[in-house]
Amino acid sequence: MLVCGVDDAGRGSVLGPLVIAGISIEKNKIKQLVKIGVKDSKQLSPQSRERLYEQILSIVDGYSVAKISPKIIDKSVSKNLLNQLEANYMAKVIKKLEAGSSYVDSCDVNPKRFGLYISNIAKTGKSCCKRCQPTGT
């Protein structure tokens, strides 16, 4: 079974984009990622992340990256919609990866609500409102 994992980088940054990235992998190959030392990127040095990058891509079945510009982030923050914006882009990545099951790192204090929101968007393509809809990446 193909599964995917999605996470963000750059949330809360003063400069630069918010990046949403995901990988898809056959469930029986996940142990290969653990074997090469893949774990939370915050626990790895920049050199380790660089070293693992090519190894990860050689193991996974697919990947997708979406970058959200500071301008779009600022608009969402001003409307108190940053979580929804991130969820919409996570759903876009999940949909592109076409996995049977998905795992996301929730930015919401209520992970179940966040997961249901992403799941609904990934299935229907409809977000809470037009201003949260992902743009081309």
N, C-alpha and C. Protein backbone atom coordinates (compact mmCIF):
# COMPACT_ATOMS: atom_id res chain seq x y z
N MET A 1 0.84 -1.18 0.00
CA MET A 1 0.00 0.00 0.00
C MET A 1 0.89 1.24 0.00
N LEU A 2 0.54 2.20 -0.82
CA LEU A 2 1.27 3.46 -0.92
C LEU A 2 0.77 4.42 0.17
N VAL A 3 1.73 4.94 0.97
CA VAL A 3 1.41 5.92 2.01
C VAL A 3 2.21 7.18 1.74
N CYS A 4 1.73 8.28 2.31
CA CYS A 4 2.50 9.52 2.16
C CYS A 4 2.62 10.22 3.50
N GLY A 5 3.65 11.01 3.60
CA GLY A 5 3.89 11.84 4.77
C GLY A 5 4.11 13.26 4.31
N VAL A 6 3.51 14.22 5.03
CA VAL A 6 3.58 15.63 4.63
C VAL A 6 3.94 16.47 5.84
N ASP A 7 4.81 17.45 5.63
CA ASP A 7 5.21 18.35 6.70
C ASP A 7 5.50 19.72 6.10
N ASP A 8 5.66 20.69 6.98
CA ASP A 8 5.96 22.05 6.54
C ASP A 8 7.35 22.45 7.00
N ALA A 9 7.87 23.49 6.37
CA ALA A 9 9.12 24.12 6.80
C ALA A 9 8.95 25.61 6.56
N GLY A 10 9.38 26.39 7.53
CA GLY A 10 9.34 27.84 7.37
C GLY A 10 8.15 28.51 8.01
N ARG A 11 7.31 27.77 8.69
CA ARG A 11 6.18 28.39 9.37
C ARG A 11 6.71 29.24 10.52
N GLY A 12 6.31 30.49 10.56
CA GLY A 12 6.78 31.39 11.60
C GLY A 12 8.04 32.14 11.21
N SER A 13 8.54 31.87 10.03
CA SER A 13 9.73 32.57 9.57
C SER A 13 9.40 34.03 9.26
N VAL A 14 10.35 34.91 9.50
CA VAL A 14 10.14 36.32 9.20
C VAL A 14 10.31 36.57 7.70
N LEU A 15 11.22 35.86 7.08
CA LEU A 15 11.50 36.01 5.66
C LEU A 15 11.34 34.68 4.95
N GLY A 16 10.99 34.75 3.69
CA GLY A 16 10.96 33.54 2.87
C GLY A 16 9.62 32.85 2.86
N PRO A 17 9.54 31.82 2.03
CA PRO A 17 8.27 31.10 1.85
C PRO A 17 8.01 30.09 2.95
N LEU A 18 6.77 29.63 3.00
CA LEU A 18 6.39 28.46 3.76
C LEU A 18 6.39 27.32 2.74
N VAL A 19 7.08 26.25 3.04
CA VAL A 19 7.20 25.14 2.10
C VAL A 19 6.49 23.93 2.67
N ILE A 20 5.66 23.32 1.86
CA ILE A 20 4.96 22.08 2.21
C ILE A 20 5.53 21.00 1.31
N ALA A 21 6.01 19.92 1.91
CA ALA A 21 6.59 18.84 1.12
C ALA A 21 6.06 17.50 1.59
N GLY A 22 5.96 16.60 0.66
CA GLY A 22 5.50 15.26 0.99
C GLY A 22 6.18 14.22 0.14
N ILE A 23 6.22 13.02 0.68
CA ILE A 23 6.74 11.87 -0.07
C ILE A 23 5.69 10.77 -0.07
N SER A 24 5.72 9.95 -1.08
CA SER A 24 4.90 8.74 -1.09
C SER A 24 5.85 7.55 -1.17
N ILE A 25 5.47 6.50 -0.49
CA ILE A 25 6.33 5.32 -0.42
C ILE A 25 5.48 4.08 -0.15
N GLU A 26 5.90 2.98 -0.73
CA GLU A 26 5.24 1.71 -0.40
C GLU A 26 5.51 1.43 1.08
N LYS A 27 4.47 1.03 1.79
CA LYS A 27 4.58 0.83 3.23
C LYS A 27 5.73 -0.12 3.61
N ASN A 28 5.97 -1.13 2.80
CA ASN A 28 7.01 -2.10 3.13
C ASN A 28 8.42 -1.54 2.95
N LYS A 29 8.57 -0.32 2.41
CA LYS A 29 9.89 0.29 2.23
C LYS A 29 10.22 1.34 3.31
N ILE A 30 9.30 1.60 4.22
CA ILE A 30 9.52 2.63 5.25
C ILE A 30 10.73 2.30 6.11
N LYS A 31 10.94 1.03 6.40
CA LYS A 31 12.09 0.63 7.22
C LYS A 31 13.42 1.04 6.58
N GLN A 32 13.45 1.16 5.26
CA GLN A 32 14.67 1.60 4.58
C GLN A 32 15.01 3.05 4.95
N LEU A 33 13.98 3.87 5.12
CA LEU A 33 14.21 5.26 5.53
C LEU A 33 14.79 5.32 6.93
N VAL A 34 14.24 4.51 7.82
CA VAL A 34 14.73 4.47 9.20
C VAL A 34 16.18 3.98 9.21
N LYS A 35 16.47 2.99 8.39
CA LYS A 35 17.81 2.40 8.34
C LYS A 35 18.88 3.41 7.92
N ILE A 36 18.55 4.33 7.03
CA ILE A 36 19.55 5.32 6.59
C ILE A 36 19.62 6.53 7.53
N GLY A 37 18.72 6.57 8.54
CA GLY A 37 18.81 7.62 9.55
C GLY A 37 17.81 8.75 9.41
N VAL A 38 16.75 8.54 8.65
CA VAL A 38 15.73 9.58 8.50
C VAL A 38 14.96 9.74 9.80
N LYS A 39 14.83 10.98 10.25
CA LYS A 39 14.03 11.32 11.43
C LYS A 39 13.66 12.79 11.32
N ASP A 40 13.05 13.32 12.35
CA ASP A 40 12.65 14.73 12.35
C ASP A 40 13.85 15.59 11.95
N SER A 41 13.66 16.44 10.96
CA SER A 41 14.79 17.24 10.45
C SER A 41 15.41 18.14 11.51
N LYS A 42 14.63 18.52 12.52
CA LYS A 42 15.17 19.36 13.59
C LYS A 42 16.21 18.60 14.42
N GLN A 43 16.21 17.29 14.32
CA GLN A 43 17.17 16.46 15.05
C GLN A 43 18.41 16.15 14.21
N LEU A 44 18.47 16.70 12.99
CA LEU A 44 19.58 16.43 12.09
C LEU A 44 20.36 17.71 11.80
N SER A 45 21.63 17.58 11.60
CA SER A 45 22.45 18.72 11.21
C SER A 45 22.16 19.06 9.74
N PRO A 46 22.46 20.28 9.33
CA PRO A 46 22.29 20.63 7.91
C PRO A 46 23.07 19.68 6.98
N GLN A 47 24.25 19.25 7.41
CA GLN A 47 25.04 18.32 6.61
C GLN A 47 24.34 16.97 6.48
N SER A 48 23.75 16.50 7.57
CA SER A 48 23.02 15.22 7.52
C SER A 48 21.81 15.32 6.61
N ARG A 49 21.09 16.45 6.68
CA ARG A 49 19.93 16.62 5.80
C ARG A 49 20.36 16.60 4.33
N GLU A 50 21.45 17.27 4.01
CA GLU A 50 21.96 17.27 2.63
C GLU A 50 22.34 15.86 2.19
N ARG A 51 23.03 15.14 3.06
CA ARG A 51 23.47 13.78 2.75
C ARG A 51 22.27 12.86 2.51
N LEU A 52 21.22 13.02 3.32
CA LEU A 52 20.06 12.14 3.22
C LEU A 52 19.16 12.45 2.02
N TYR A 53 19.20 13.66 1.53
CA TYR A 53 18.29 14.11 0.47
C TYR A 53 18.27 13.14 -0.71
N GLU A 54 19.43 12.89 -1.32
CA GLU A 54 19.49 12.01 -2.49
C GLU A 54 19.12 10.57 -2.13
N GLN A 55 19.52 10.13 -0.95
CA GLN A 55 19.18 8.77 -0.52
C GLN A 55 17.67 8.60 -0.38
N ILE A 56 17.03 9.60 0.21
CA ILE A 56 15.57 9.56 0.37
C ILE A 56 14.89 9.48 -0.99
N LEU A 57 15.31 10.35 -1.91
CA LEU A 57 14.69 10.36 -3.24
C LEU A 57 14.89 9.05 -3.99
N SER A 58 15.98 8.34 -3.69
CA SER A 58 16.21 7.07 -4.37
C SER A 58 15.33 5.95 -3.81
N ILE A 59 14.78 6.14 -2.61
CA ILE A 59 13.95 5.12 -1.97
C ILE A 59 12.46 5.36 -2.20
N VAL A 60 12.03 6.60 -2.12
CA VAL A 60 10.60 6.90 -2.18
C VAL A 60 10.05 6.70 -3.59
N ASP A 61 8.73 6.58 -3.67
CA ASP A 61 8.07 6.38 -4.96
C ASP A 61 7.64 7.69 -5.61
N GLY A 62 7.54 8.74 -4.82
CA GLY A 62 7.18 10.04 -5.37
C GLY A 62 7.34 11.12 -4.33
N TYR A 63 7.39 12.36 -4.79
CA TYR A 63 7.45 13.50 -3.87
C TYR A 63 6.79 14.70 -4.52
N SER A 64 6.39 15.63 -3.68
CA SER A 64 5.77 16.86 -4.15
C SER A 64 6.15 17.98 -3.18
N VAL A 65 6.42 19.15 -3.75
CA VAL A 65 6.79 20.31 -2.96
C VAL A 65 5.95 21.49 -3.41
N ALA A 66 5.38 22.22 -2.45
CA ALA A 66 4.61 23.43 -2.74
C ALA A 66 5.20 24.58 -1.92
N LYS A 67 5.45 25.69 -2.57
CA LYS A 67 5.99 26.87 -1.89
C LYS A 67 4.91 27.94 -1.85
N ILE A 68 4.73 28.50 -0.66
CA ILE A 68 3.73 29.55 -0.46
C ILE A 68 4.50 30.85 -0.23
N SER A 69 4.24 31.83 -1.05
CA SER A 69 4.99 33.08 -0.99
C SER A 69 4.67 33.88 0.27
N PRO A 70 5.61 34.71 0.72
CA PRO A 70 5.36 35.55 1.89
C PRO A 70 4.12 36.43 1.72
N LYS A 71 3.86 36.89 0.52
CA LYS A 71 2.69 37.74 0.26
C LYS A 71 1.39 36.98 0.57
N ILE A 72 1.30 35.75 0.11
CA ILE A 72 0.10 34.94 0.38
C ILE A 72 0.00 34.62 1.87
N ILE A 73 1.14 34.31 2.49
CA ILE A 73 1.16 34.02 3.93
C ILE A 73 0.65 35.23 4.70
N ASP A 74 1.17 36.42 4.38
CA ASP A 74 0.77 37.64 5.08
C ASP A 74 -0.73 37.89 4.97
N LYS A 75 -1.30 37.66 3.78
CA LYS A 75 -2.74 37.84 3.60
C LYS A 75 -3.52 36.88 4.50
N SER A 76 -3.07 35.64 4.56
CA SER A 76 -3.77 34.65 5.39
C SER A 76 -3.64 34.97 6.88
N VAL A 77 -2.45 35.39 7.28
CA VAL A 77 -2.24 35.75 8.69
C VAL A 77 -3.13 36.92 9.08
N SER A 78 -3.25 37.91 8.20
CA SER A 78 -4.07 39.08 8.51
C SER A 78 -5.55 38.72 8.67
N LYS A 79 -5.97 37.60 8.09
CA LYS A 79 -7.36 37.14 8.20
C LYS A 79 -7.49 35.98 9.18
N ASN A 80 -6.40 35.69 9.90
CA ASN A 80 -6.38 34.59 10.86
C ASN A 80 -6.70 33.24 10.19
N LEU A 81 -6.12 33.01 9.01
CA LEU A 81 -6.40 31.80 8.25
C LEU A 81 -5.14 31.01 7.89
N LEU A 82 -4.08 31.16 8.66
CA LEU A 82 -2.83 30.47 8.33
C LEU A 82 -2.99 28.95 8.38
N ASN A 83 -3.67 28.43 9.38
CA ASN A 83 -3.86 26.97 9.45
C ASN A 83 -4.62 26.46 8.24
N GLN A 84 -5.65 27.19 7.82
CA GLN A 84 -6.43 26.76 6.66
C GLN A 84 -5.58 26.82 5.39
N LEU A 85 -4.76 27.87 5.27
CA LEU A 85 -3.89 27.98 4.11
C LEU A 85 -2.94 26.78 4.06
N GLU A 86 -2.33 26.47 5.19
CA GLU A 86 -1.41 25.34 5.23
C GLU A 86 -2.13 24.03 4.93
N ALA A 87 -3.32 23.87 5.47
CA ALA A 87 -4.10 22.65 5.21
C ALA A 87 -4.42 22.51 3.73
N ASN A 88 -4.76 23.61 3.08
CA ASN A 88 -5.08 23.56 1.66
C ASN A 88 -3.88 23.11 0.82
N TYR A 89 -2.71 23.62 1.15
CA TYR A 89 -1.52 23.21 0.42
C TYR A 89 -1.12 21.77 0.76
N MET A 90 -1.33 21.36 2.00
CA MET A 90 -1.06 19.96 2.35
C MET A 90 -1.99 19.04 1.55
N ALA A 91 -3.24 19.42 1.44
CA ALA A 91 -4.20 18.63 0.66
C ALA A 91 -3.78 18.55 -0.80
N LYS A 92 -3.26 19.64 -1.32
CA LYS A 92 -2.79 19.66 -2.72
C LYS A 92 -1.65 18.67 -2.91
N VAL A 93 -0.70 18.66 -1.97
CA VAL A 93 0.43 17.73 -2.04
C VAL A 93 -0.08 16.29 -1.93
N ILE A 94 -0.97 16.04 -0.98
CA ILE A 94 -1.52 14.69 -0.79
C ILE A 94 -2.22 14.20 -2.05
N LYS A 95 -3.02 15.06 -2.63
CA LYS A 95 -3.76 14.68 -3.84
C LYS A 95 -2.80 14.32 -4.98
N LYS A 96 -1.74 15.07 -5.10
CA LYS A 96 -0.76 14.82 -6.16
C LYS A 96 -0.05 13.48 -5.95
N LEU A 97 0.19 13.10 -4.70
CA LEU A 97 0.91 11.86 -4.40
C LEU A 97 0.06 10.60 -4.55
N GLU A 98 -1.26 10.74 -4.52
CA GLU A 98 -2.20 9.64 -4.78
C GLU A 98 -1.96 8.41 -3.91
N ALA A 99 -1.69 8.62 -2.63
CA ALA A 99 -1.47 7.51 -1.71
C ALA A 99 -2.79 7.05 -1.09
N GLY A 100 -2.81 5.82 -0.61
CA GLY A 100 -3.99 5.28 0.04
C GLY A 100 -4.18 5.80 1.45
N SER A 101 -3.08 6.22 2.08
CA SER A 101 -3.12 6.72 3.45
C SER A 101 -2.11 7.85 3.57
N SER A 102 -2.45 8.85 4.39
CA SER A 102 -1.57 10.02 4.53
C SER A 102 -1.35 10.35 5.99
N TYR A 103 -0.14 10.82 6.29
CA TYR A 103 0.24 11.27 7.62
C TYR A 103 0.73 12.71 7.49
N VAL A 104 0.18 13.59 8.33
CA VAL A 104 0.59 14.99 8.30
C VAL A 104 0.98 15.44 9.70
N ASP A 105 1.88 16.42 9.73
CA ASP A 105 2.24 17.04 11.00
C ASP A 105 1.26 18.18 11.21
N SER A 106 0.39 18.05 12.17
CA SER A 106 -0.67 19.04 12.39
C SER A 106 -0.12 20.32 13.00
N CYS A 107 -0.55 21.45 12.44
CA CYS A 107 -0.20 22.75 13.02
C CYS A 107 -1.36 23.27 13.88
N ASP A 108 -2.43 22.53 13.92
CA ASP A 108 -3.61 22.91 14.69
C ASP A 108 -3.53 22.30 16.09
N VAL A 109 -4.07 22.99 17.07
CA VAL A 109 -4.11 22.43 18.43
C VAL A 109 -5.04 21.22 18.50
N ASN A 110 -5.89 21.07 17.50
CA ASN A 110 -6.81 19.94 17.41
C ASN A 110 -6.43 19.12 16.18
N PRO A 111 -5.53 18.15 16.32
CA PRO A 111 -5.06 17.38 15.16
C PRO A 111 -6.18 16.64 14.41
N LYS A 112 -7.18 16.16 15.14
CA LYS A 112 -8.28 15.44 14.48
C LYS A 112 -9.04 16.39 13.54
N ARG A 113 -9.35 17.58 14.01
CA ARG A 113 -10.04 18.58 13.19
C ARG A 113 -9.20 18.91 11.96
N PHE A 114 -7.89 19.11 12.16
CA PHE A 114 -7.00 19.45 11.07
C PHE A 114 -6.97 18.33 10.03
N GLY A 115 -6.87 17.10 10.50
CA GLY A 115 -6.86 15.95 9.60
C GLY A 115 -8.13 15.81 8.80
N LEU A 116 -9.27 16.00 9.45
CA LEU A 116 -10.55 15.93 8.73
C LEU A 116 -10.66 17.04 7.69
N TYR A 117 -10.20 18.22 8.04
CA TYR A 117 -10.23 19.35 7.12
C TYR A 117 -9.40 19.04 5.88
N ILE A 118 -8.18 18.54 6.08
CA ILE A 118 -7.31 18.19 4.95
C ILE A 118 -7.93 17.08 4.12
N SER A 119 -8.46 16.06 4.78
CA SER A 119 -9.07 14.94 4.08
C SER A 119 -10.22 15.40 3.19
N ASN A 120 -11.07 16.27 3.71
CA ASN A 120 -12.19 16.78 2.92
C ASN A 120 -11.71 17.56 1.71
N ILE A 121 -10.69 18.38 1.88
CA ILE A 121 -10.17 19.16 0.76
C ILE A 121 -9.54 18.24 -0.28
N ALA A 122 -8.75 17.27 0.17
CA ALA A 122 -8.08 16.36 -0.76
C ALA A 122 -9.10 15.58 -1.58
N LYS A 123 -10.24 15.23 -0.98
CA LYS A 123 -11.27 14.48 -1.69
C LYS A 123 -12.09 15.35 -2.62
N THR A 124 -12.47 16.54 -2.16
CA THR A 124 -13.39 17.39 -2.92
C THR A 124 -12.71 18.47 -3.74
N GLY A 125 -11.50 18.87 -3.33
CA GLY A 125 -10.81 19.98 -3.99
C GLY A 125 -11.32 21.33 -3.56
N LYS A 126 -12.24 21.35 -2.59
CA LYS A 126 -12.84 22.62 -2.15
C LYS A 126 -12.34 22.99 -0.76
N SER A 127 -11.84 24.22 -0.64
CA SER A 127 -11.38 24.69 0.65
C SER A 127 -12.49 25.46 1.35
N CYS A 128 -12.18 25.99 2.52
CA CYS A 128 -13.18 26.71 3.30
C CYS A 128 -13.66 27.96 2.57
N CYS A 129 -12.77 28.57 1.81
CA CYS A 129 -13.13 29.80 1.11
C CYS A 129 -12.16 30.03 -0.03
N LYS A 130 -12.53 30.87 -0.95
CA LYS A 130 -11.71 31.15 -2.13
C LYS A 130 -10.35 31.72 -1.75
N ARG A 131 -10.28 32.55 -0.72
CA ARG A 131 -9.00 33.19 -0.40
C ARG A 131 -7.98 32.23 0.21
N CYS A 132 -8.42 31.01 0.59
CA CYS A 132 -7.48 30.01 1.10
C CYS A 132 -7.07 29.01 0.02
N GLN A 133 -7.68 29.08 -1.14
CA GLN A 133 -7.44 28.11 -2.21
C GLN A 133 -5.99 28.18 -2.67
N PRO A 134 -5.32 27.03 -2.79
CA PRO A 134 -3.94 27.03 -3.27
C PRO A 134 -3.85 27.57 -4.68
N THR A 135 -2.78 28.30 -4.94
CA THR A 135 -2.49 28.79 -6.29
C THR A 135 -1.47 27.87 -6.91
N GLY A 136 -1.16 28.06 -8.16
CA GLY A 136 -0.15 27.25 -8.84
C GLY A 136 1.18 27.34 -8.15
N THR A 137 1.93 26.25 -8.19
CA THR A 137 3.26 26.25 -7.55
C THR A 137 4.31 25.91 -8.57
